[in-house]
Amino acid sequence: MKKIILNVDDFGLTKGVNDAVLELSKQGLVKSTTALVNSPYFAEDIKKTVDYDLDVGIHLTIDLFNAELFHPSLCDENNLFHKAKTHSLNRSLDSDVIYREWKSQIEKFIQVAGFKPTHIDSHHHAHVVNSDANIAVKRLGEEYNLVIRHNTNNKYTAHCTGDFYGENVNPDLLMTTMTNLLEVEADYLEVMMHPAFVDEELKTISSYNTARMKEYEAIISKEFKTFIEQNNIEISKFTN
């Protein structure tokens, strides 16, 4: 049996995102998501996930919504993070400041959810594109004993592909993405995805919106379900 993790980023972003994640989990097509703890619908829906066979990790952020801790290098006087569009994630930052902010996000996750996140990734790949953020996330991964997207250390290798993305997503692209991923040797094979039921709030928050519904439709398609069965693929999760 070949194991692949389909991870939905952005749980909590809007009600439509959450509902899509829960519905896909109910159908057994998705068993992993990562949540934005500072998003408007995290606290509202996080406890619902315990009724599903669903890993819930944390989607750490330094460029969306409110910071947990004030620091002028990360946020404005209202604690709103500086957006990536106006402040490049590649800019030099203090890894200790990011560590403290992200540790606060993890602790908030645990306090609100009542359980520890199962894995770590970050919004706009902050921990990959920013070297200071990478230092911070490795500290946190060790501290909380969590798998980190794109990480390689002495314990495990975690390989993630973002190829299933864009305005032209469809079942063929999803199947091609998974076929290519099966050629990779790693302890964890992950497809990053962003399916959602698109609402007006999502259109306001994210420029990547209508394509999210196309992602959802590709995942529930008959072609994809047949592909999984014929290729003996198990939709997996980080805690398997």
Protein backbone atom coordinates (compact mmCIF):
# COMPACT_ATOMS: atom_id res chain seq x y z
CA MET A 1 0.00 0.00 0.00
CA LYS A 2 1.40 3.41 -1.03
CA LYS A 3 0.74 6.19 1.47
CA ILE A 4 0.21 9.84 0.51
CA ILE A 5 -0.93 12.68 2.76
CA LEU A 6 -3.40 15.15 1.26
CA ASN A 7 -3.08 18.17 3.53
CA VAL A 8 -5.51 21.08 3.33
CA ASP A 9 -3.92 24.36 4.38
CA ASP A 10 -5.80 27.32 5.91
CA PHE A 11 -8.31 25.63 8.24
CA GLY A 12 -10.03 28.52 10.02
CA LEU A 13 -9.62 31.00 7.18
CA THR A 14 -13.35 31.12 6.41
CA LYS A 15 -16.41 29.03 7.19
CA GLY A 16 -16.32 27.72 3.62
CA VAL A 17 -12.78 26.42 4.06
CA ASN A 18 -13.68 24.63 7.28
CA ASP A 19 -16.84 23.08 5.86
CA ALA A 20 -14.95 21.75 2.84
CA VAL A 21 -12.25 20.19 5.05
CA LEU A 22 -14.80 18.49 7.27
CA GLU A 23 -16.83 17.20 4.32
CA LEU A 24 -13.73 15.79 2.59
CA SER A 25 -12.69 14.17 5.85
CA LYS A 26 -16.17 12.68 6.28
CA GLN A 27 -15.78 11.08 2.85
CA GLY A 28 -12.32 9.72 3.75
CA LEU A 29 -10.66 11.73 1.00
CA VAL A 30 -8.65 14.03 3.28
CA LYS A 31 -7.16 13.08 6.64
CA SER A 32 -4.90 16.05 7.32
CA THR A 33 -5.24 19.82 7.61
CA THR A 34 -3.32 22.71 9.13
CA ALA A 35 -5.03 25.50 11.05
CA LEU A 36 -4.49 29.24 11.35
CA VAL A 37 -4.99 29.85 15.06
CA ASN A 38 -5.37 33.61 14.60
CA SER A 39 -8.06 33.22 11.93
CA PRO A 40 -11.74 34.07 12.51
CA TYR A 41 -13.12 30.52 12.39
CA PHE A 42 -10.42 28.50 14.16
CA ALA A 43 -11.97 28.51 17.63
CA GLU A 44 -15.47 28.06 16.22
CA ASP A 45 -14.77 24.79 14.42
CA ILE A 46 -11.57 23.22 15.78
CA LYS A 47 -13.37 21.03 18.32
CA LYS A 48 -15.53 19.55 15.54
CA THR A 49 -12.44 17.88 14.09
CA VAL A 50 -12.26 15.36 16.95
CA ASP A 51 -15.28 13.60 15.45
CA TYR A 52 -13.34 12.91 12.24
CA ASP A 53 -10.35 10.77 11.30
CA LEU A 54 -8.36 13.95 10.80
CA ASP A 55 -4.90 15.14 11.76
CA VAL A 56 -4.89 18.84 12.60
CA GLY A 57 -1.54 20.57 12.42
CA ILE A 58 -0.70 24.24 12.72
CA HIS A 59 -0.32 26.71 9.84
CA LEU A 60 2.11 29.17 11.39
CA THR A 61 1.97 32.70 10.06
CA ILE A 62 3.84 35.99 10.21
CA ASP A 63 1.90 37.78 7.47
CA LEU A 64 -1.84 37.20 7.98
CA PHE A 65 -4.32 38.42 10.62
CA ASN A 66 -3.18 39.38 14.13
CA ALA A 67 0.04 38.53 15.91
CA GLU A 68 -0.13 36.89 19.30
CA LEU A 69 2.76 39.01 20.55
CA PHE A 70 3.53 42.59 19.59
CA HIS A 71 6.82 43.26 17.88
CA PRO A 72 7.29 46.10 15.35
CA SER A 73 9.36 43.92 13.01
CA LEU A 74 6.33 41.66 12.53
CA CYS A 75 3.22 43.77 13.06
CA ASP A 76 1.79 47.26 13.29
CA GLU A 77 0.52 49.11 16.36
CA ASN A 78 -2.78 47.22 16.09
CA ASN A 79 -1.00 43.85 16.17
CA LEU A 80 -1.83 43.19 12.51
CA PHE A 81 0.96 41.34 10.75
CA HIS A 82 2.73 43.21 7.97
CA LYS A 83 1.43 41.62 4.77
CA ALA A 84 3.78 39.73 2.49
CA LYS A 85 2.74 41.91 -0.46
CA THR A 86 4.24 44.97 1.19
CA HIS A 87 6.91 43.38 3.39
CA SER A 88 8.85 40.58 1.75
CA LEU A 89 9.14 37.37 3.74
CA ASN A 90 12.75 37.30 2.58
CA ARG A 91 13.63 40.30 4.73
CA SER A 92 16.01 39.87 7.64
CA LEU A 93 14.17 39.12 10.89
CA ASP A 94 15.08 38.02 14.39
CA SER A 95 14.70 34.26 14.67
CA ASP A 96 14.07 34.56 18.40
CA VAL A 97 11.19 36.99 17.79
CA ILE A 98 9.65 34.57 15.30
CA TYR A 99 10.23 31.68 17.70
CA ARG A 100 8.35 33.46 20.49
CA GLU A 101 5.48 34.44 18.17
CA TRP A 102 5.13 30.95 16.74
CA LYS A 103 5.44 29.32 20.15
CA SER A 104 2.56 31.53 21.27
CA GLN A 105 0.52 30.36 18.27
CA ILE A 106 1.21 26.72 19.15
CA GLU A 107 0.29 27.28 22.78
CA LYS A 108 -2.94 28.98 21.71
CA PHE A 109 -3.71 26.00 19.49
CA ILE A 110 -3.28 23.62 22.45
CA GLN A 111 -5.32 25.81 24.80
CA VAL A 112 -8.26 26.26 22.42
CA ALA A 113 -8.27 22.83 20.76
CA GLY A 114 -7.47 20.79 23.83
CA PHE A 115 -4.83 18.77 21.99
CA LYS A 116 -1.39 19.28 20.45
CA PRO A 117 -1.07 19.93 16.71
CA THR A 118 0.07 16.89 14.75
CA HIS A 119 2.50 18.68 12.42
CA ILE A 120 3.79 22.08 11.31
CA ASP A 121 3.76 24.12 8.12
CA SER A 122 3.52 27.85 7.46
CA HIS A 123 1.52 30.38 5.51
CA HIS A 124 3.24 31.40 2.25
CA HIS A 125 6.02 28.91 3.16
CA ALA A 126 7.51 31.45 5.58
CA HIS A 127 9.67 28.83 7.30
CA VAL A 128 11.15 27.84 3.93
CA VAL A 129 11.73 31.21 2.25
CA ASN A 130 12.98 33.01 5.37
CA SER A 131 16.17 31.68 6.96
CA ASP A 132 15.35 33.23 10.36
CA ALA A 133 11.91 31.62 10.34
CA ASN A 134 13.57 28.31 9.42
CA ILE A 135 15.77 28.51 12.50
CA ALA A 136 12.71 29.23 14.65
CA VAL A 137 10.60 26.41 13.26
CA LYS A 138 13.35 23.84 13.74
CA ARG A 139 13.56 24.83 17.42
CA LEU A 140 9.81 24.38 17.75
CA GLY A 141 9.79 21.08 15.90
CA GLU A 142 12.33 19.70 18.34
CA GLU A 143 10.60 21.22 21.35
CA TYR A 144 7.14 19.85 20.52
CA ASN A 145 8.35 16.75 18.64
CA LEU A 146 6.38 17.61 15.48
CA VAL A 147 6.91 16.82 11.81
CA ILE A 148 7.73 19.95 9.77
CA ARG A 149 6.81 20.34 6.10
CA HIS A 150 9.85 20.22 3.79
CA ASN A 151 12.06 19.21 6.69
CA THR A 152 14.90 16.73 6.70
CA ASN A 153 16.67 15.70 9.89
CA ASN A 154 18.03 12.59 11.55
CA LYS A 155 14.55 11.42 12.57
CA TYR A 156 12.65 11.59 9.29
CA THR A 157 12.27 13.14 5.85
CA ALA A 158 9.12 15.03 4.88
CA HIS A 159 8.60 15.85 1.21
CA CYS A 160 5.77 18.10 0.07
CA THR A 161 4.66 19.07 -3.43
CA GLY A 162 2.71 22.20 -4.31
CA ASP A 163 2.05 21.17 -7.91
CA PHE A 164 -1.70 20.79 -7.32
CA TYR A 165 -2.35 24.52 -7.46
CA GLY A 166 -3.57 27.19 -9.85
CA GLU A 167 -6.61 28.32 -11.76
CA ASN A 168 -6.55 25.23 -13.99
CA VAL A 169 -6.60 22.55 -11.29
CA ASN A 170 -8.55 19.43 -12.28
CA PRO A 171 -8.56 15.67 -11.59
CA ASP A 172 -5.82 15.03 -14.16
CA LEU A 173 -3.47 17.47 -12.43
CA LEU A 174 -4.18 15.88 -9.06
CA MET A 175 -3.48 12.40 -10.39
CA THR A 176 -0.31 13.53 -12.16
CA THR A 177 0.87 15.26 -8.98
CA MET A 178 0.38 12.11 -6.95
CA THR A 179 1.98 9.88 -9.58
CA ASN A 180 5.09 12.07 -9.57
CA LEU A 181 5.15 12.13 -5.79
CA LEU A 182 5.26 8.35 -5.62
CA GLU A 183 8.69 8.49 -7.27
CA VAL A 184 10.10 10.32 -4.23
CA GLU A 185 11.73 8.48 -1.32
CA ALA A 186 10.68 10.03 2.00
CA ASP A 187 9.06 9.08 5.30
CA TYR A 188 6.17 11.45 4.65
CA LEU A 189 4.83 12.25 1.17
CA GLU A 190 2.47 15.24 1.15
CA VAL A 191 0.34 17.05 -1.39
CA MET A 192 -0.37 20.62 -0.34
CA MET A 193 -3.90 21.69 -1.29
CA HIS A 194 -6.45 24.42 -0.65
CA PRO A 195 -10.01 23.17 -1.38
CA ALA A 196 -12.92 25.25 -0.11
CA PHE A 197 -16.55 26.14 -0.56
CA VAL A 198 -16.08 29.63 -1.96
CA ASP A 199 -17.92 32.43 -0.17
CA GLU A 200 -17.70 36.20 -0.43
CA GLU A 201 -15.48 36.37 2.62
CA LEU A 202 -12.92 34.11 0.97
CA LYS A 203 -12.93 36.29 -2.14
CA THR A 204 -12.15 39.28 0.07
CA ILE A 205 -9.37 37.61 2.03
CA SER A 206 -7.59 35.56 -0.62
CA SER A 207 -6.75 36.13 -4.27
CA TYR A 208 -6.73 32.35 -4.61
CA ASN A 209 -10.44 31.72 -4.29
CA THR A 210 -12.54 30.27 -7.15
CA ALA A 211 -9.81 27.72 -7.88
CA ARG A 212 -10.34 26.31 -4.40
CA MET A 213 -13.73 25.01 -5.45
CA LYS A 214 -12.09 23.41 -8.49
CA GLU A 215 -9.68 21.68 -6.14
CA TYR A 216 -12.61 20.37 -4.11
CA GLU A 217 -14.34 19.06 -7.22
CA ALA A 218 -11.16 17.31 -8.36
CA ILE A 219 -10.77 15.54 -5.02
CA ILE A 220 -14.35 14.23 -4.97
CA SER A 221 -14.33 13.27 -8.66
CA LYS A 222 -14.99 9.70 -9.76
CA GLU A 223 -11.74 9.77 -11.74
CA PHE A 224 -9.71 10.47 -8.62
CA LYS A 225 -11.47 7.84 -6.52
CA THR A 226 -10.85 5.26 -9.25
CA PHE A 227 -7.21 6.33 -9.49
CA ILE A 228 -6.71 5.76 -5.74
CA GLU A 229 -8.23 2.29 -5.90
CA GLN A 230 -6.40 1.18 -9.04
CA ASN A 231 -3.03 2.37 -7.76
CA ASN A 232 -3.46 0.91 -4.28
CA ILE A 233 -2.96 4.30 -2.62
CA GLU A 234 -3.83 4.95 1.02
CA ILE A 235 -4.84 8.51 1.90
CA SER A 236 -2.68 8.86 4.96
CA LYS A 237 -1.83 11.30 7.76
CA PHE A 238 1.17 12.31 9.83
CA THR A 239 0.17 10.28 12.88
CA ASN A 240 -0.30 6.95 11.07
